[in-house]
C-alpha atoms as a PDB file:
ATOM      1  CA  UNK A   1      -0.076   0.158   0.057  1.00  0.00           C
ATOM      2  CA  UNK A   2       1.418   3.401  -0.973  1.00  0.00           C
ATOM      3  CA  UNK A   3       1.212   5.942   1.747  1.00  0.00           C
ATOM      4  CA  UNK A   4       1.436   9.843   1.661  1.00  0.00           C
ATOM      5  CA  UNK A   5       4.529  11.458   3.437  1.00  0.00           C
ATOM      6  CA  UNK A   6       2.018  12.670   6.175  1.00  0.00           C
ATOM      7  CA  UNK A   7       0.332   9.302   6.529  1.00  0.00           C
ATOM      8  CA  UNK A   8       3.867   7.610   6.632  1.00  0.00           C
ATOM      9  CA  UNK A   9       4.893   9.783   9.525  1.00  0.00           C
ATOM     10  CA  UNK A  10       1.833   8.520  11.375  1.00  0.00           C
ATOM     11  CA  UNK A  11       2.490   5.019  10.493  1.00  0.00           C
ATOM     12  CA  UNK A  12       6.055   5.207  11.694  1.00  0.00           C
ATOM     13  CA  UNK A  13       5.012   7.025  15.003  1.00  0.00           C
ATOM     14  CA  UNK A  14       7.542   9.992  14.145  1.00  0.00           C
ATOM     15  CA  UNK A  15       7.215  12.964  16.730  1.00  0.00           C
ATOM     16  CA  UNK A  16       8.195  16.246  14.891  1.00  0.00           C
ATOM     17  CA  UNK A  17       9.731  18.674  17.008  1.00  0.00           C
ATOM     18  CA  UNK A  18       8.521  22.554  16.881  1.00  0.00           C
ATOM     19  CA  UNK A  19       9.833  24.394  13.689  1.00  0.00           C
ATOM     20  CA  UNK A  20      12.486  26.776  14.667  1.00  0.00           C
ATOM     21  CA  UNK A  21      12.091  30.159  14.131  1.00  0.00           C
ATOM     22  CA  UNK A  22      14.780  31.764  11.546  1.00  0.00           C
ATOM     23  CA  UNK A  23      18.151  32.527  13.340  1.00  0.00           C
ATOM     24  CA  UNK A  24      18.965  35.325  11.001  1.00  0.00           C
ATOM     25  CA  UNK A  25      17.656  37.384   8.060  1.00  0.00           C
ATOM     26  CA  UNK A  26      16.564  34.444   5.667  1.00  0.00           C
ATOM     27  CA  UNK A  27      13.373  32.573   4.731  1.00  0.00           C
ATOM     28  CA  UNK A  28      13.057  29.024   6.220  1.00  0.00           C
ATOM     29  CA  UNK A  29      11.464  27.975   2.971  1.00  0.00           C
ATOM     30  CA  UNK A  30      11.409  29.491  -0.490  1.00  0.00           C
ATOM     31  CA  UNK A  31       9.286  28.043  -3.487  1.00  0.00           C
ATOM     32  CA  UNK A  32      10.771  28.868  -6.830  1.00  0.00           C
ATOM     33  CA  UNK A  33       8.830  27.482 -10.012  1.00  0.00           C
ATOM     34  CA  UNK A  34       8.239  23.842  -9.119  1.00  0.00           C
ATOM     35  CA  UNK A  35      11.051  23.545  -6.356  1.00  0.00           C
ATOM     36  CA  UNK A  36      10.892  23.942  -2.739  1.00  0.00           C
ATOM     37  CA  UNK A  37      14.131  25.018  -0.998  1.00  0.00           C
ATOM     38  CA  UNK A  38      14.632  24.618   2.639  1.00  0.00           C
ATOM     39  CA  UNK A  39      17.250  26.709   4.704  1.00  0.00           C
ATOM     40  CA  UNK A  40      19.655  24.886   6.698  1.00  0.00           C
ATOM     41  CA  UNK A  41      18.118  23.144   9.790  1.00  0.00           C
ATOM     42  CA  UNK A  42      19.685  21.900  12.899  1.00  0.00           C
ATOM     43  CA  UNK A  43      18.633  19.173  15.276  1.00  0.00           C
ATOM     44  CA  UNK A  44      15.737  20.756  17.217  1.00  0.00           C
ATOM     45  CA  UNK A  45      14.331  18.355  20.244  1.00  0.00           C
ATOM     46  CA  UNK A  46      10.533  18.014  21.158  1.00  0.00           C
ATOM     47  CA  UNK A  47      11.250  20.735  24.146  1.00  0.00           C
ATOM     48  CA  UNK A  48      12.644  23.015  21.314  1.00  0.00           C
ATOM     49  CA  UNK A  49      16.263  22.805  22.675  1.00  0.00           C
ATOM     50  CA  UNK A  50      19.116  21.798  20.230  1.00  0.00           C
ATOM     51  CA  UNK A  51      21.294  18.708  20.329  1.00  0.00           C
ATOM     52  CA  UNK A  52      24.982  19.812  20.806  1.00  0.00           C
ATOM     53  CA  UNK A  53      28.284  18.538  20.074  1.00  0.00           C
ATOM     54  CA  UNK A  54      31.071  18.020  17.863  1.00  0.00           C
ATOM     55  CA  UNK A  55      31.271  14.422  16.024  1.00  0.00           C
ATOM     56  CA  UNK A  56      34.592  12.526  16.604  1.00  0.00           C
ATOM     57  CA  UNK A  57      35.407  14.736  19.833  1.00  0.00           C
ATOM     58  CA  UNK A  58      32.750  14.493  22.288  1.00  0.00           C
ATOM     59  CA  UNK A  59      29.993  12.765  19.983  1.00  0.00           C
ATOM     60  CA  UNK A  60      30.475   9.249  18.533  1.00  0.00           C
ATOM     61  CA  UNK A  61      29.436   8.618  14.940  1.00  0.00           C
ATOM     62  CA  UNK A  62      26.098   6.759  15.824  1.00  0.00           C
ATOM     63  CA  UNK A  63      25.063   9.741  18.044  1.00  0.00           C
ATOM     64  CA  UNK A  64      25.782  11.971  15.226  1.00  0.00           C
ATOM     65  CA  UNK A  65      23.886   9.957  12.887  1.00  0.00           C
ATOM     66  CA  UNK A  66      21.103  10.426  15.255  1.00  0.00           C
ATOM     67  CA  UNK A  67      21.204  14.070  15.279  1.00  0.00           C
ATOM     68  CA  UNK A  68      21.087  14.017  11.457  1.00  0.00           C
ATOM     69  CA  UNK A  69      17.796  12.100  11.864  1.00  0.00           C
ATOM     70  CA  UNK A  70      16.727  14.559  14.277  1.00  0.00           C
ATOM     71  CA  UNK A  71      17.540  17.363  11.749  1.00  0.00           C
ATOM     72  CA  UNK A  72      15.335  15.541   9.355  1.00  0.00           C
ATOM     73  CA  UNK A  73      12.540  15.583  11.797  1.00  0.00           C
ATOM     74  CA  UNK A  74      13.081  19.311  12.261  1.00  0.00           C
ATOM     75  CA  UNK A  75      12.987  19.958   8.523  1.00  0.00           C
ATOM     76  CA  UNK A  76       9.698  18.154   8.055  1.00  0.00           C
ATOM     77  CA  UNK A  77       8.353  20.171  10.974  1.00  0.00           C
ATOM     78  CA  UNK A  78       9.740  23.163   9.083  1.00  0.00           C
ATOM     79  CA  UNK A  79       8.080  22.287   5.843  1.00  0.00           C
ATOM     80  CA  UNK A  80       4.773  21.562   7.350  1.00  0.00           C
ATOM     81  CA  UNK A  81       4.762  24.801   9.512  1.00  0.00           C
ATOM     82  CA  UNK A  82       5.923  27.084   6.666  1.00  0.00           C
ATOM     83  CA  UNK A  83       4.913  25.596   3.558  1.00  0.00           C
ATOM     84  CA  UNK A  84       1.581  23.654   4.568  1.00  0.00           C
ATOM     85  CA  UNK A  85       1.881  20.035   3.721  1.00  0.00           C
ATOM     86  CA  UNK A  86       4.198  17.454   3.151  1.00  0.00           C
ATOM     87  CA  UNK A  87       2.150  15.752   0.563  1.00  0.00           C
ATOM     88  CA  UNK A  88       3.056  18.483  -2.054  1.00  0.00           C
ATOM     89  CA  UNK A  89       6.498  17.187  -2.362  1.00  0.00           C
ATOM     90  CA  UNK A  90       7.033  14.837  -5.159  1.00  0.00           C
ATOM     91  CA  UNK A  91      10.745  13.986  -4.285  1.00  0.00           C
ATOM     92  CA  UNK A  92      13.970  15.047  -2.552  1.00  0.00           C
ATOM     93  CA  UNK A  93      16.284  16.672  -5.260  1.00  0.00           C
ATOM     94  CA  UNK A  94      19.623  17.727  -3.337  1.00  0.00           C
ATOM     95  CA  UNK A  95      20.847  17.469   0.146  1.00  0.00           C
ATOM     96  CA  UNK A  96      23.668  19.448   1.812  1.00  0.00           C
ATOM     97  CA  UNK A  97      24.887  17.801   4.865  1.00  0.00           C
ATOM     98  CA  UNK A  98      27.227  19.862   7.160  1.00  0.00           C
ATOM     99  CA  UNK A  99      28.857  18.040  10.112  1.00  0.00           C
ATOM    100  CA  UNK A 100      30.595  19.725  12.947  1.00  0.00           C
ATOM    101  CA  UNK A 101      33.687  17.851  13.306  1.00  0.00           C
ATOM    102  CA  UNK A 102      37.639  18.320  13.468  1.00  0.00           C
ATOM    103  CA  UNK A 103      39.950  18.044  10.268  1.00  0.00           C
ATOM    104  CA  UNK A 104      40.921  14.636  10.784  1.00  0.00           C
ATOM    105  CA  UNK A 105      37.270  13.238  10.809  1.00  0.00           C
ATOM    106  CA  UNK A 106      36.429  11.667   7.573  1.00  0.00           C
ATOM    107  CA  UNK A 107      33.249   9.920   8.142  1.00  0.00           C
ATOM    108  CA  UNK A 108      30.531  12.732   7.351  1.00  0.00           C
ATOM    109  CA  UNK A 109      28.585  10.499   4.924  1.00  0.00           C
ATOM    110  CA  UNK A 110      27.860   8.020   7.504  1.00  0.00           C
ATOM    111  CA  UNK A 111      26.589  10.807   9.742  1.00  0.00           C
ATOM    112  CA  UNK A 112      24.402  12.263   7.172  1.00  0.00           C
ATOM    113  CA  UNK A 113      22.803   8.699   6.417  1.00  0.00           C
ATOM    114  CA  UNK A 114      20.610   9.396   9.551  1.00  0.00           C
ATOM    115  CA  UNK A 115      18.910  12.202   7.448  1.00  0.00           C
ATOM    116  CA  UNK A 116      18.983  10.237   4.324  1.00  0.00           C
ATOM    117  CA  UNK A 117      17.494   7.075   5.739  1.00  0.00           C
ATOM    118  CA  UNK A 118      14.615   8.897   7.395  1.00  0.00           C
ATOM    119  CA  UNK A 119      13.637  10.800   4.138  1.00  0.00           C
ATOM    120  CA  UNK A 120      13.831   7.232   2.351  1.00  0.00           C
ATOM    121  CA  UNK A 121      11.424   5.747   5.042  1.00  0.00           C
ATOM    122  CA  UNK A 122       9.023   8.897   4.715  1.00  0.00           C
ATOM    123  CA  UNK A 123       9.018   9.500   1.003  1.00  0.00           C
ATOM    124  CA  UNK A 124       9.992   6.010  -0.306  1.00  0.00           C
ATOM    125  CA  UNK A 125      13.449   4.999  -1.784  1.00  0.00           C
ATOM    126  CA  UNK A 126      12.768   6.337  -5.310  1.00  0.00           C
ATOM    127  CA  UNK A 127      11.589   9.801  -4.063  1.00  0.00           C
ATOM    128  CA  UNK A 128      13.220  10.226  -0.845  1.00  0.00           C
ATOM    129  CA  UNK A 129      16.821   9.734  -2.002  1.00  0.00           C
ATOM    130  CA  UNK A 130      18.472  12.706  -4.181  1.00  0.00           C
ATOM    131  CA  UNK A 131      21.950  13.845  -4.808  1.00  0.00           C
ATOM    132  CA  UNK A 132      24.005  14.781  -1.781  1.00  0.00           C
ATOM    133  CA  UNK A 133      27.085  16.386  -0.207  1.00  0.00           C
ATOM    134  CA  UNK A 134      28.348  15.588   3.152  1.00  0.00           C
ATOM    135  CA  UNK A 135      31.026  18.041   4.314  1.00  0.00           C
ATOM    136  CA  UNK A 136      32.787  18.895   7.616  1.00  0.00           C
ATOM    137  CA  UNK A 137      32.963  22.361   9.223  1.00  0.00           C
ATOM    138  CA  UNK A 138      32.218  24.386  12.436  1.00  0.00           C
ATOM    139  CA  UNK A 139      28.489  24.991  12.739  1.00  0.00           C
ATOM    140  CA  UNK A 140      26.724  27.758  14.904  1.00  0.00           C
ATOM    141  CA  UNK A 141      25.745  26.943  18.440  1.00  0.00           C
ATOM    142  CA  UNK A 142      27.706  23.808  18.825  1.00  0.00           C
ATOM    143  CA  UNK A 143      25.309  21.802  16.814  1.00  0.00           C
ATOM    144  CA  UNK A 144      26.690  18.619  15.344  1.00  0.00           C
ATOM    145  CA  UNK A 145      24.841  18.745  12.015  1.00  0.00           C
ATOM    146  CA  UNK A 146      23.122  21.120   9.761  1.00  0.00           C
ATOM    147  CA  UNK A 147      21.247  20.340   6.750  1.00  0.00           C
ATOM    148  CA  UNK A 148      19.625  22.257   3.854  1.00  0.00           C
ATOM    149  CA  UNK A 149      17.661  20.735   0.978  1.00  0.00           C
ATOM    150  CA  UNK A 150      15.704  21.122  -2.298  1.00  0.00           C
ATOM    151  CA  UNK A 151      12.406  19.295  -3.126  1.00  0.00           C
ATOM    152  CA  UNK A 152      10.519  18.859  -6.272  1.00  0.00           C
ATOM    153  CA  UNK A 153       6.816  19.580  -5.887  1.00  0.00           C
ATOM    154  CA  UNK A 154       3.799  17.897  -7.459  1.00  0.00           C
END
């Protein structure tokens, strides 16, 4: 049976955190033609607080992967809050995953898999997996992961 993204979220029992307010001068989401762009999202918990840590230093890879999954839940919440419906999304097009880590850490793709695996669950493997980059850098507020994405709309 095929489920819409919103039905799949209910079926999986996923809890979306509150959508974070913009942390600067930018739009959380923007529609251009048939594409939805989502600004960089961090790992917001259900109480509105942020997961913090630096992967490979004070955070293990598996915890970083869980933080990336939480970023995915945050992004779903942001889309729902600012765009209105997850069911208008046809597919994931592009994901940029940024991992807070030191220069010797090289497992950024494994961390960002937490996000990609969630979106494959919610949108299906054909539509939930797009092209992707995973890079290391210093991130604001000590968050371990920040992800931005682009989606094609129905």
